[in-house]
Protein backbone atom coordinates (compact mmCIF):
# COMPACT_ATOMS: atom_id res chain seq x y z
CA MET A 1 -9.86 -34.60 -46.72
CA LYS A 2 -8.94 -37.68 -44.95
CA GLU A 3 -10.03 -39.77 -42.02
CA LYS A 4 -7.78 -40.13 -39.39
CA PHE A 5 -12.32 -34.84 -46.94
CA PHE A 6 -11.96 -35.98 -47.59
CA ILE A 7 -12.36 -34.80 -48.87
CA LEU A 8 -12.18 -29.41 -50.97
CA ILE A 9 -13.67 -31.39 -48.84
CA VAL A 10 -10.98 -34.73 -46.91
CA VAL A 11 -9.01 -38.77 -46.00
CA VAL A 12 -8.99 -37.26 -46.70
CA PHE A 13 -6.83 -37.74 -47.08
CA SER A 14 -3.69 -38.30 -44.16
CA MET A 15 -5.55 -37.19 -45.56
CA LEU A 16 -7.58 -36.10 -45.76
CA ALA A 17 -9.59 -37.47 -45.26
CA ILE A 18 -12.48 -36.59 -42.32
CA PRO A 19 -15.72 -38.36 -40.65
CA LEU A 20 -18.74 -36.88 -42.98
CA SER A 21 -22.09 -37.38 -40.61
CA ALA A 22 -25.45 -37.83 -42.38
CA LEU A 23 -28.84 -37.72 -39.74
CA SER A 24 -31.09 -40.43 -38.76
CA THR A 25 -34.96 -39.71 -39.64
CA ASP A 26 -38.45 -41.23 -39.02
CA ASP A 27 -38.97 -40.91 -42.96
CA GLU A 28 -38.05 -44.10 -44.37
CA ASN A 29 -37.89 -42.58 -48.29
CA ALA A 30 -35.46 -39.30 -46.61
CA LEU A 31 -32.22 -39.64 -45.29
CA PRO A 32 -30.60 -35.42 -44.90
CA VAL A 33 -27.22 -35.71 -45.57
CA THR A 34 -24.86 -33.08 -44.45
CA ASN A 35 -21.70 -32.61 -45.52
CA PRO A 36 -19.32 -29.88 -43.55
CA LEU A 37 -17.10 -29.32 -45.94
CA TRP A 38 -18.86 -27.04 -48.48
CA ASN A 39 -21.13 -24.78 -47.65
CA GLU A 40 -24.54 -23.81 -49.58
CA PRO A 41 -24.71 -23.29 -51.97
CA TYR A 42 -22.42 -26.00 -53.15
CA THR A 43 -21.76 -24.99 -56.64
CA PRO A 44 -18.58 -23.30 -57.37
CA GLN A 45 -18.51 -19.65 -58.30
CA ASN A 46 -15.39 -17.78 -60.07
CA THR A 47 -13.14 -17.20 -57.23
CA GLN A 48 -10.04 -14.73 -56.93
CA LEU A 49 -7.26 -16.60 -57.73
CA ASP A 50 -4.14 -14.18 -56.74
CA LEU A 51 -3.82 -15.38 -52.91
CA GLY A 52 -1.03 -13.64 -51.20
CA GLU A 53 -1.31 -15.27 -47.43
CA ILE A 54 -3.87 -17.45 -46.28
CA LYS A 55 -5.63 -16.98 -42.91
CA VAL A 56 -5.92 -20.20 -41.33
CA LEU A 57 -7.98 -21.27 -38.00
CA LYS A 58 -6.09 -23.45 -36.01
CA ASP A 59 -6.61 -24.63 -31.94
CA ASP A 60 -9.04 -21.31 -31.89
CA VAL A 61 -6.22 -18.89 -33.51
CA VAL A 62 -6.26 -17.27 -36.96
CA THR A 63 -2.59 -17.04 -38.12
CA SER A 64 -1.33 -16.18 -41.59
CA PHE A 65 0.89 -18.25 -43.70
CA SER A 66 2.05 -17.62 -47.54
CA VAL A 67 0.55 -20.35 -50.20
CA ARG A 68 3.57 -22.22 -50.29
CA ASP A 69 3.69 -22.85 -46.32
CA TYR A 70 0.46 -23.40 -45.97
CA LEU A 71 0.72 -26.32 -48.60
CA PHE A 72 3.27 -27.62 -47.50
CA GLY A 73 1.59 -27.92 -43.86
CA VAL A 74 -1.64 -29.54 -45.77
CA ILE A 75 0.92 -31.65 -47.70
CA ALA A 76 2.47 -32.88 -44.64
CA ALA A 77 -0.88 -33.46 -42.43
CA GLU A 78 -2.08 -35.51 -45.13
CA MET A 79 0.16 -37.47 -46.89
CA PRO A 80 2.99 -39.46 -46.11
CA ALA A 81 5.92 -37.91 -47.32
CA LEU A 82 7.85 -41.48 -48.26
CA TYR A 83 5.04 -41.65 -51.36
CA GLU A 84 6.27 -40.60 -54.63
CA VAL A 85 6.70 -37.35 -56.16
CA GLU A 86 4.28 -37.48 -58.82
CA ALA A 87 1.34 -38.54 -56.06
CA ILE A 88 2.67 -35.63 -54.11
CA LYS A 89 2.80 -32.81 -56.44
CA ALA A 90 -0.68 -34.04 -57.42
CA GLN A 91 -1.65 -33.37 -53.52
CA ALA A 92 -0.54 -30.29 -53.84
CA VAL A 93 -2.54 -29.21 -57.07
CA ALA A 94 -5.79 -31.07 -55.52
CA ALA A 95 -4.85 -29.05 -51.84
CA TYR A 96 -4.41 -25.76 -53.64
CA THR A 97 -7.68 -26.57 -55.55
CA PHE A 98 -9.94 -26.77 -52.58
CA THR A 99 -8.35 -24.12 -50.68
CA LEU A 100 -9.50 -21.97 -53.95
CA TYR A 101 -13.01 -23.86 -53.16
CA ARG A 102 -13.06 -23.28 -49.90
CA ILE A 103 -12.00 -19.57 -49.29
CA GLN A 104 -15.35 -18.46 -51.77
CA ASN A 105 -17.09 -20.11 -49.25
CA ASN A 106 -15.43 -18.26 -46.10
CA THR A 107 -16.23 -14.63 -47.19
CA ASN A 108 -18.43 -13.85 -43.93
CA THR A 109 -15.18 -15.36 -41.66
CA GLU A 110 -12.03 -13.88 -40.68
CA TYR A 111 -9.98 -16.63 -41.56
CA ASP A 112 -9.93 -18.38 -45.08
CA ILE A 113 -9.92 -22.43 -43.88
CA THR A 114 -9.82 -24.20 -41.32
CA ALA A 115 -7.10 -26.94 -39.71
CA ASP A 116 -9.86 -29.42 -39.34
CA GLY A 117 -9.94 -32.45 -41.23
CA GLN A 118 -13.73 -32.87 -40.79
CA THR A 119 -14.34 -29.57 -42.04
CA ALA A 120 -11.66 -28.36 -44.53
CA GLN A 121 -8.03 -30.38 -44.71
CA CYS A 122 -5.68 -30.87 -41.82
CA PHE A 123 -2.54 -28.82 -41.56
CA ILE A 124 0.68 -28.61 -39.29
CA THR A 125 3.18 -25.99 -39.71
CA ARG A 126 6.75 -26.53 -40.33
CA ASN A 127 8.60 -27.25 -36.80
CA GLU A 128 5.35 -29.88 -35.96
CA ALA A 129 5.99 -31.49 -39.36
CA ALA A 130 9.80 -31.81 -38.32
CA ALA A 131 8.96 -33.01 -34.84
CA ARG A 132 6.92 -35.58 -36.85
CA TRP A 133 9.62 -36.84 -39.33
CA GLY A 134 12.82 -36.54 -37.10
CA GLU A 135 15.48 -37.24 -38.74
CA LYS A 136 14.08 -37.27 -42.10
CA ALA A 137 12.69 -33.66 -41.47
CA GLU A 138 15.27 -32.07 -43.76
CA GLU A 139 14.64 -34.76 -46.71
CA TYR A 140 11.23 -34.57 -46.63
CA ALA A 141 11.02 -30.68 -46.37
CA LYS A 142 13.00 -29.95 -49.44
CA LYS A 143 11.16 -33.21 -51.20
CA ILE A 144 7.68 -31.48 -50.30
CA ASP A 145 9.00 -27.83 -51.13
CA ASP A 146 10.00 -29.02 -54.38
CA CYS A 147 6.85 -30.84 -55.55
CA ILE A 148 5.09 -27.81 -54.68
CA LYS A 149 7.52 -25.29 -56.30
CA SER A 150 6.96 -27.57 -59.76
CA VAL A 151 3.18 -27.51 -59.59
CA GLU A 152 2.71 -23.69 -58.23
CA GLY A 153 -0.23 -22.00 -59.45
CA CYS A 154 -2.08 -25.22 -60.88
CA TYR A 155 -5.58 -25.77 -59.94
CA LEU A 156 -7.75 -28.05 -61.32
CA SER A 157 -11.23 -26.44 -62.51
CA TYR A 158 -14.63 -27.07 -63.90
CA GLN A 159 -16.62 -24.83 -66.22
CA ASN A 160 -14.44 -22.26 -65.61
CA ALA A 161 -13.90 -22.42 -61.75
CA PRO A 162 -11.74 -24.55 -58.95
CA ILE A 163 -13.72 -28.08 -58.43
CA PHE A 164 -14.62 -28.96 -55.18
CA ALA A 165 -11.79 -31.68 -54.93
CA ALA A 166 -12.50 -34.02 -52.27
CA TYR A 167 -9.56 -36.85 -51.33
CA HIS A 168 -9.27 -39.34 -49.05
CA ALA A 169 -6.64 -42.19 -47.75
CA ILE A 170 -7.83 -45.70 -49.58
CA SER A 171 -10.70 -46.82 -51.56
CA PRO A 172 -11.88 -50.12 -51.72
CA GLY A 173 -10.90 -50.47 -55.44
CA LYS A 174 -13.66 -48.43 -56.91
CA THR A 175 -13.66 -44.56 -55.65
CA ASN A 176 -17.34 -43.79 -54.63
CA SER A 177 -19.52 -41.06 -56.10
CA CYS A 178 -20.12 -37.37 -54.55
CA LYS A 179 -23.80 -37.99 -55.38
CA ASP A 180 -23.90 -41.80 -53.04
CA VAL A 181 -22.46 -39.86 -50.16
CA TRP A 182 -23.47 -36.26 -49.89
CA ASP A 183 -26.41 -36.74 -52.37
CA LYS A 184 -24.90 -33.88 -54.24
CA ASP A 185 -24.26 -34.89 -57.97
CA LEU A 186 -20.94 -33.68 -59.27
CA PRO A 187 -19.89 -34.84 -62.61
CA TYR A 188 -16.09 -35.00 -61.99
CA LEU A 189 -16.30 -36.81 -58.69
CA ILE A 190 -18.02 -39.85 -59.96
CA SER A 191 -16.57 -43.82 -59.50
CA VAL A 192 -13.42 -44.64 -61.09
CA ASP A 193 -11.39 -47.28 -60.82
CA SER A 194 -8.09 -47.23 -57.83
CA THR A 195 -7.48 -51.17 -58.33
CA GLY A 196 -4.19 -50.43 -56.67
CA ASP A 197 -5.81 -49.41 -52.95
CA THR A 198 -6.50 -52.75 -52.87
CA LEU A 199 -2.87 -53.84 -52.42
CA ALA A 200 -2.49 -51.24 -49.97
CA ASP A 201 -1.46 -51.93 -46.34
CA GLY A 202 -4.60 -50.84 -43.76
CA PHE A 203 -6.59 -51.59 -47.07
CA LEU A 204 -8.98 -54.16 -45.00
CA SER A 205 -9.30 -54.23 -41.12
CA GLU A 206 -11.73 -55.37 -38.20
CA THR A 207 -13.19 -54.15 -35.59
CA GLN A 208 -15.26 -56.00 -33.23
CA PHE A 209 -17.83 -55.10 -30.30
CA THR A 210 -19.84 -57.07 -27.77
CA ALA A 211 -23.66 -56.78 -27.91
CA ALA A 212 -23.08 -54.57 -24.89
CA GLU A 213 -20.88 -52.21 -26.62
CA ILE A 214 -23.05 -51.82 -29.60
CA ALA A 215 -25.95 -51.18 -27.33
CA GLU A 216 -24.20 -48.45 -25.44
CA LYS A 217 -22.96 -47.13 -28.46
CA LEU A 218 -26.09 -46.77 -30.17
CA LYS A 219 -28.27 -46.05 -27.42
CA GLU A 220 -29.46 -42.33 -28.95
CA ILE A 221 -30.59 -44.18 -31.64
CA ALA A 222 -32.83 -47.44 -30.18
CA SER A 223 -32.41 -50.25 -27.35
CA PRO A 224 -32.45 -53.32 -28.36
CA PRO A 225 -34.77 -56.20 -25.77
CA ASP A 226 -31.69 -58.46 -25.38
CA ALA A 227 -28.22 -59.26 -26.92
CA GLN A 228 -29.32 -62.35 -28.40
CA THR A 229 -30.44 -61.17 -31.76
CA ASN A 230 -28.36 -59.32 -34.66
CA TYR A 231 -30.33 -56.09 -34.28
CA PHE A 232 -28.73 -54.63 -37.59
CA ALA A 233 -30.48 -55.46 -41.08
CA ASN A 234 -31.82 -54.07 -44.58
CA ILE A 235 -28.55 -53.07 -45.58
CA ILE A 236 -28.59 -50.97 -48.54
CA ALA A 237 -25.24 -50.09 -50.32
CA SER A 238 -23.86 -48.39 -53.22
CA GLN A 239 -22.44 -49.91 -56.23
CA THR A 240 -18.63 -49.55 -54.37
CA GLY A 241 -20.10 -51.45 -51.70
CA TYR A 242 -20.63 -48.22 -49.09
CA VAL A 243 -23.00 -48.97 -46.93
CA LYS A 244 -25.55 -46.04 -47.63
CA SER A 245 -28.12 -47.06 -45.28
CA ILE A 246 -29.20 -49.54 -42.10
CA GLU A 247 -31.85 -50.42 -40.25
CA TYR A 248 -30.48 -50.71 -35.92
CA CYS A 249 -33.48 -52.39 -34.18
CA GLY A 250 -35.98 -51.23 -36.98
CA LYS A 251 -34.61 -47.62 -36.84
CA LYS A 252 -33.22 -46.37 -39.90
CA ILE A 253 -29.80 -44.47 -40.18
CA ALA A 254 -26.98 -43.24 -42.52
CA GLY A 255 -23.96 -45.71 -42.92
CA GLN A 256 -21.94 -42.77 -42.79
CA GLN A 257 -23.88 -41.79 -39.22
CA LEU A 258 -23.04 -45.52 -37.90
CA ARG A 259 -19.19 -44.97 -39.13
CA ASP A 260 -18.73 -42.00 -37.35
CA ILE A 261 -20.37 -43.60 -33.91
CA LEU A 262 -18.59 -46.63 -34.02
CA ALA A 263 -15.35 -45.15 -35.42
CA LEU A 264 -14.87 -47.06 -38.43
CA ARG A 265 -12.18 -46.43 -41.27
CA SER A 266 -14.93 -45.80 -43.81
CA CYS A 267 -18.71 -46.68 -44.37
CA ASN A 268 -18.00 -49.65 -46.77
CA PHE A 269 -18.09 -52.40 -44.01
CA THR A 270 -19.71 -56.06 -43.67
CA ILE A 271 -21.40 -57.29 -40.16
CA ASP A 272 -20.84 -60.89 -38.78
CA PHE A 273 -22.88 -61.37 -35.67
CA VAL A 274 -21.29 -64.53 -33.58
CA ASP A 275 -22.39 -65.37 -30.28
CA GLY A 276 -23.70 -62.05 -29.40
CA ASN A 277 -20.63 -60.25 -30.70
CA TYR A 278 -20.40 -57.81 -33.93
CA LYS A 279 -17.17 -57.82 -36.21
CA PHE A 280 -16.95 -55.39 -38.75
CA THR A 281 -14.92 -55.87 -41.77
CA VAL A 282 -13.93 -52.52 -43.29
CA LYS A 283 -12.92 -51.51 -46.75
CA GLY A 284 -10.75 -48.37 -47.01
CA TYR A 285 -10.49 -45.35 -45.24
CA GLY A 286 -11.81 -42.74 -45.65
CA HIS A 287 -15.39 -41.30 -47.66
CA GLY A 288 -14.14 -42.21 -50.86
CA VAL A 289 -14.67 -39.63 -52.98
CA GLY A 290 -12.33 -38.00 -55.05
CA MET A 291 -8.56 -38.32 -55.21
CA SER A 292 -7.36 -41.76 -53.15
CA GLN A 293 -3.79 -40.89 -51.98
CA THR A 294 -3.24 -44.56 -51.73
CA GLY A 295 -4.21 -44.79 -55.52
CA ALA A 296 -2.27 -41.87 -56.91
CA ASN A 297 1.03 -43.28 -55.09
CA TYR A 298 0.42 -46.62 -56.98
CA LEU A 299 0.22 -44.88 -60.03
CA ALA A 300 3.04 -42.65 -59.44
CA LYS A 301 5.02 -45.93 -59.13
CA GLN A 302 3.55 -46.90 -62.11
CA GLY A 303 5.01 -43.97 -63.66
CA LYS A 304 2.26 -41.84 -64.27
CA THR A 305 2.63 -38.22 -63.65
CA PHE A 306 0.91 -35.89 -61.36
CA GLU A 307 -1.65 -34.73 -64.54
CA LYS A 308 -2.52 -38.04 -65.41
CA ILE A 309 -3.04 -39.39 -61.86
CA LEU A 310 -5.38 -35.96 -61.49
CA LEU A 311 -7.66 -36.42 -64.45
CA CYS A 312 -8.07 -40.43 -63.44
CA TYR A 313 -9.67 -39.20 -60.10
CA TYR A 314 -11.22 -36.03 -61.46
CA PRO A 315 -12.55 -36.87 -65.08
CA GLY A 316 -14.01 -33.70 -66.75
CA THR A 317 -12.11 -31.55 -65.22
CA SER A 318 -9.26 -29.53 -67.07
CA LEU A 319 -6.12 -28.11 -65.52
CA GLN A 320 -5.13 -24.32 -65.26
CA LYS A 321 -2.17 -22.30 -64.08
CA ASN A 322 -2.85 -18.93 -62.58
């Protein structure tokens, strides 16, 4: 569930993980938040767990895949194949759990899940994966297949139902709570430490815009009278640093909406305004909710098993097997 919700859901990872947008409003006391990764009601219900084939909507075509082939395609699309084995196992369980959760919300469609990382999980076929990996294709395919087989049927549950197993690429050192991102208070999607992310390549990024570029990109929000003043103000951020809301020319918008418009790697950012130019310094990659794929890889390198990795990022859940 990854940018490229994740993110059930991402940045998503890789991942998944997944721009999820919030809408602006003239009411300063309310910022309605939308999350395309779940359908209301978002609370999971008991779902049929003995899956046969999974019907995937990709490029406007519905194709059926075995569970193994589907999970292979998700992992190949969402997580670097060079990651540690225990991290890939954790990704396989999270992806399978996300799939179970998502299928229950797609009972009225001709497909079970889409291959769109913004609304579900990214997915590529085995042939697409082989083309991506080149000479490493056989090695990586065996590695992922072995990981999938070793955790086959394993999923995370809360109150006897598959959880909304959001995941993303890189956190800013702590994951984000579901409530801070999508205004849904899920007890297993709270902020947890993920300090290994701060050591990762891509943890920090910078993006610069001229005043004219900002004015053009945000013209649907407001029109600044000139380019000599910083028109961003009143940033409200979560404890983990993700921008929840910000004002542009006096108009309040969600941090996630600004991230989407400017194509930032996450909405954990600061803004510097110098000589009419805006510099965004961004931490992490993705929505930050649930399992950090980079953090999972770091924990695997420290000797943590996939079970411990999953229970670190989804506290209060239990690992089940069907």
